[in-house]
Amino acid sequence: MLAEHLVRAECDIVLGESHLARQRGVVAERWRQGLDVGEAIELLKRFEELQAIHVAERDRLRAILGR
């Protein structure tokens, strides 16, 4: 069961990287267009926080499983 949770955490990290890349692109594009980037940056920060949680969970599971 823990191994399944580890696989899920690793998938969440991959998906999170995709979300982060897309949101960084949104921030950059809005910046280039001279638009307000405040909300886009806040969303990016939330994605970064969530990604850190996923990484911590993955690391915790790896430690338990000895990987």
N, C-alpha and C. Protein backbone atom coordinates (compact mmCIF):
# COMPACT_ATOMS: atom_id res chain seq x y z
N MET A 1 0.81 -1.19 0.00
CA MET A 1 0.00 0.00 0.00
C MET A 1 0.86 1.27 0.00
N LEU A 2 1.93 1.28 0.79
CA LEU A 2 2.81 2.45 0.80
C LEU A 2 3.47 2.65 -0.56
N ALA A 3 3.80 1.55 -1.21
CA ALA A 3 4.42 1.65 -2.54
C ALA A 3 3.45 2.32 -3.52
N GLU A 4 2.17 2.02 -3.40
CA GLU A 4 1.16 2.65 -4.26
C GLU A 4 1.07 4.15 -3.97
N HIS A 5 1.15 4.51 -2.71
CA HIS A 5 1.13 5.93 -2.35
C HIS A 5 2.37 6.64 -2.90
N LEU A 6 3.49 5.95 -2.89
CA LEU A 6 4.72 6.53 -3.44
C LEU A 6 4.56 6.78 -4.94
N VAL A 7 4.01 5.81 -5.65
CA VAL A 7 3.78 5.98 -7.08
C VAL A 7 2.86 7.18 -7.32
N ARG A 8 1.82 7.29 -6.52
CA ARG A 8 0.88 8.41 -6.67
C ARG A 8 1.58 9.74 -6.40
N ALA A 9 2.40 9.78 -5.36
CA ALA A 9 3.12 11.02 -5.04
C ALA A 9 4.06 11.40 -6.18
N GLU A 10 4.72 10.41 -6.76
CA GLU A 10 5.63 10.70 -7.88
C GLU A 10 4.85 11.20 -9.09
N CYS A 11 3.67 10.65 -9.33
CA CYS A 11 2.82 11.14 -10.43
C CYS A 11 2.35 12.56 -10.15
N ASP A 12 2.00 12.84 -8.90
CA ASP A 12 1.59 14.19 -8.53
C ASP A 12 2.71 15.19 -8.78
N ILE A 13 3.94 14.79 -8.53
CA ILE A 13 5.08 15.68 -8.76
C ILE A 13 5.24 15.97 -10.24
N VAL A 14 5.13 14.95 -11.07
CA VAL A 14 5.24 15.16 -12.52
C VAL A 14 4.14 16.08 -13.01
N LEU A 15 2.92 15.83 -12.56
CA LEU A 15 1.80 16.69 -12.95
C LEU A 15 2.00 18.11 -12.43
N GLY A 16 2.50 18.21 -11.21
CA GLY A 16 2.76 19.52 -10.63
C GLY A 16 3.79 20.32 -11.42
N GLU A 17 4.82 19.63 -11.91
CA GLU A 17 5.83 20.32 -12.73
C GLU A 17 5.19 20.90 -13.99
N SER A 18 4.27 20.15 -14.55
CA SER A 18 3.55 20.63 -15.74
C SER A 18 2.73 21.88 -15.41
N HIS A 19 2.03 21.85 -14.29
CA HIS A 19 1.23 23.00 -13.87
C HIS A 19 2.12 24.21 -13.60
N LEU A 20 3.26 23.96 -12.96
CA LEU A 20 4.18 25.06 -12.67
C LEU A 20 4.72 25.69 -13.95
N ALA A 21 5.10 24.86 -14.88
CA ALA A 21 5.64 25.38 -16.14
C ALA A 21 4.59 26.20 -16.88
N ARG A 22 3.37 25.69 -16.93
CA ARG A 22 2.30 26.41 -17.61
C ARG A 22 2.02 27.75 -16.93
N GLN A 23 1.97 27.74 -15.59
CA GLN A 23 1.67 28.97 -14.87
C GLN A 23 2.81 29.97 -14.99
N ARG A 24 4.04 29.49 -15.00
CA ARG A 24 5.17 30.41 -15.23
C ARG A 24 5.05 31.06 -16.60
N GLY A 25 4.59 30.29 -17.56
CA GLY A 25 4.36 30.84 -18.90
C GLY A 25 3.27 31.89 -18.90
N VAL A 26 2.22 31.67 -18.14
CA VAL A 26 1.14 32.64 -18.04
C VAL A 26 1.67 33.94 -17.43
N VAL A 27 2.45 33.82 -16.36
CA VAL A 27 3.01 35.01 -15.72
C VAL A 27 3.89 35.77 -16.72
N ALA A 28 4.77 35.05 -17.40
CA ALA A 28 5.69 35.68 -18.35
C ALA A 28 4.93 36.36 -19.49
N GLU A 29 3.92 35.70 -20.01
CA GLU A 29 3.15 36.27 -21.12
C GLU A 29 2.39 37.52 -20.68
N ARG A 30 1.76 37.45 -19.53
CA ARG A 30 1.04 38.63 -19.03
C ARG A 30 2.01 39.77 -18.78
N TRP A 31 3.19 39.45 -18.26
CA TRP A 31 4.21 40.47 -18.02
C TRP A 31 4.62 41.13 -19.33
N ARG A 32 4.89 40.31 -20.35
CA ARG A 32 5.27 40.84 -21.67
C ARG A 32 4.19 41.75 -22.25
N GLN A 33 2.94 41.41 -21.99
CA GLN A 33 1.83 42.19 -22.51
C GLN A 33 1.52 43.42 -21.67
N GLY A 34 2.24 43.57 -20.58
CA GLY A 34 2.02 44.72 -19.71
C GLY A 34 0.76 44.61 -18.87
N LEU A 35 0.28 43.39 -18.69
CA LEU A 35 -0.95 43.17 -17.91
C LEU A 35 -0.61 42.93 -16.45
N ASP A 36 -1.62 43.03 -15.62
CA ASP A 36 -1.46 42.75 -14.19
C ASP A 36 -1.10 41.28 -14.01
N VAL A 37 -0.06 41.01 -13.23
CA VAL A 37 0.38 39.63 -13.01
C VAL A 37 0.12 39.18 -11.57
N GLY A 38 -0.50 40.03 -10.77
CA GLY A 38 -0.70 39.73 -9.35
C GLY A 38 -1.41 38.41 -9.10
N GLU A 39 -2.55 38.21 -9.72
CA GLU A 39 -3.30 36.96 -9.49
C GLU A 39 -2.55 35.77 -10.05
N ALA A 40 -1.91 35.94 -11.19
CA ALA A 40 -1.15 34.84 -11.80
C ALA A 40 0.02 34.43 -10.91
N ILE A 41 0.65 35.40 -10.28
CA ILE A 41 1.77 35.10 -9.38
C ILE A 41 1.26 34.42 -8.11
N GLU A 42 0.12 34.86 -7.60
CA GLU A 42 -0.45 34.21 -6.42
C GLU A 42 -0.78 32.74 -6.70
N LEU A 43 -1.35 32.48 -7.87
CA LEU A 43 -1.64 31.10 -8.24
C LEU A 43 -0.36 30.30 -8.38
N LEU A 44 0.66 30.89 -8.96
CA LEU A 44 1.96 30.22 -9.09
C LEU A 44 2.51 29.88 -7.70
N LYS A 45 2.40 30.79 -6.77
CA LYS A 45 2.88 30.53 -5.41
C LYS A 45 2.13 29.36 -4.78
N ARG A 46 0.83 29.30 -5.00
CA ARG A 46 0.04 28.18 -4.47
C ARG A 46 0.48 26.86 -5.09
N PHE A 47 0.73 26.87 -6.41
CA PHE A 47 1.22 25.67 -7.07
C PHE A 47 2.58 25.25 -6.51
N GLU A 48 3.45 26.23 -6.25
CA GLU A 48 4.77 25.92 -5.69
C GLU A 48 4.65 25.33 -4.28
N GLU A 49 3.74 25.86 -3.48
CA GLU A 49 3.52 25.32 -2.14
C GLU A 49 2.99 23.90 -2.21
N LEU A 50 2.05 23.66 -3.10
CA LEU A 50 1.50 22.32 -3.26
C LEU A 50 2.57 21.35 -3.75
N GLN A 51 3.41 21.81 -4.65
CA GLN A 51 4.49 20.96 -5.16
C GLN A 51 5.43 20.59 -4.02
N ALA A 52 5.73 21.53 -3.15
CA ALA A 52 6.61 21.25 -2.01
C ALA A 52 5.99 20.19 -1.10
N ILE A 53 4.68 20.23 -0.94
CA ILE A 53 3.98 19.22 -0.14
C ILE A 53 4.11 17.85 -0.80
N HIS A 54 3.93 17.79 -2.11
CA HIS A 54 4.05 16.52 -2.83
C HIS A 54 5.47 15.96 -2.71
N VAL A 55 6.45 16.82 -2.84
CA VAL A 55 7.85 16.37 -2.74
C VAL A 55 8.14 15.87 -1.33
N ALA A 56 7.66 16.58 -0.33
CA ALA A 56 7.88 16.14 1.05
C ALA A 56 7.22 14.79 1.31
N GLU A 57 6.03 14.61 0.79
CA GLU A 57 5.34 13.32 0.96
C GLU A 57 6.10 12.20 0.25
N ARG A 58 6.56 12.48 -0.97
CA ARG A 58 7.35 11.49 -1.67
C ARG A 58 8.61 11.12 -0.89
N ASP A 59 9.29 12.11 -0.39
CA ASP A 59 10.52 11.87 0.37
C ASP A 59 10.23 11.09 1.65
N ARG A 60 9.13 11.41 2.30
CA ARG A 60 8.74 10.69 3.51
C ARG A 60 8.46 9.22 3.21
N LEU A 61 7.73 8.97 2.12
CA LEU A 61 7.43 7.60 1.75
C LEU A 61 8.68 6.84 1.33
N ARG A 62 9.57 7.51 0.62
CA ARG A 62 10.83 6.87 0.24
C ARG A 62 11.62 6.48 1.48
N ALA A 63 11.65 7.33 2.48
CA ALA A 63 12.38 7.04 3.71
C ALA A 63 11.79 5.82 4.41
N ILE A 64 10.47 5.76 4.47
CA ILE A 64 9.80 4.64 5.12
C ILE A 64 10.10 3.34 4.37
N LEU A 65 10.07 3.42 3.05
CA LEU A 65 10.27 2.23 2.23
C LEU A 65 11.75 1.92 2.02
N GLY A 66 12.63 2.79 2.46
CA GLY A 66 14.06 2.55 2.33
C GLY A 66 14.56 2.69 0.91
N ARG A 67 13.98 3.62 0.15
CA ARG A 67 14.38 3.81 -1.24
C ARG A 67 15.20 5.07 -1.39
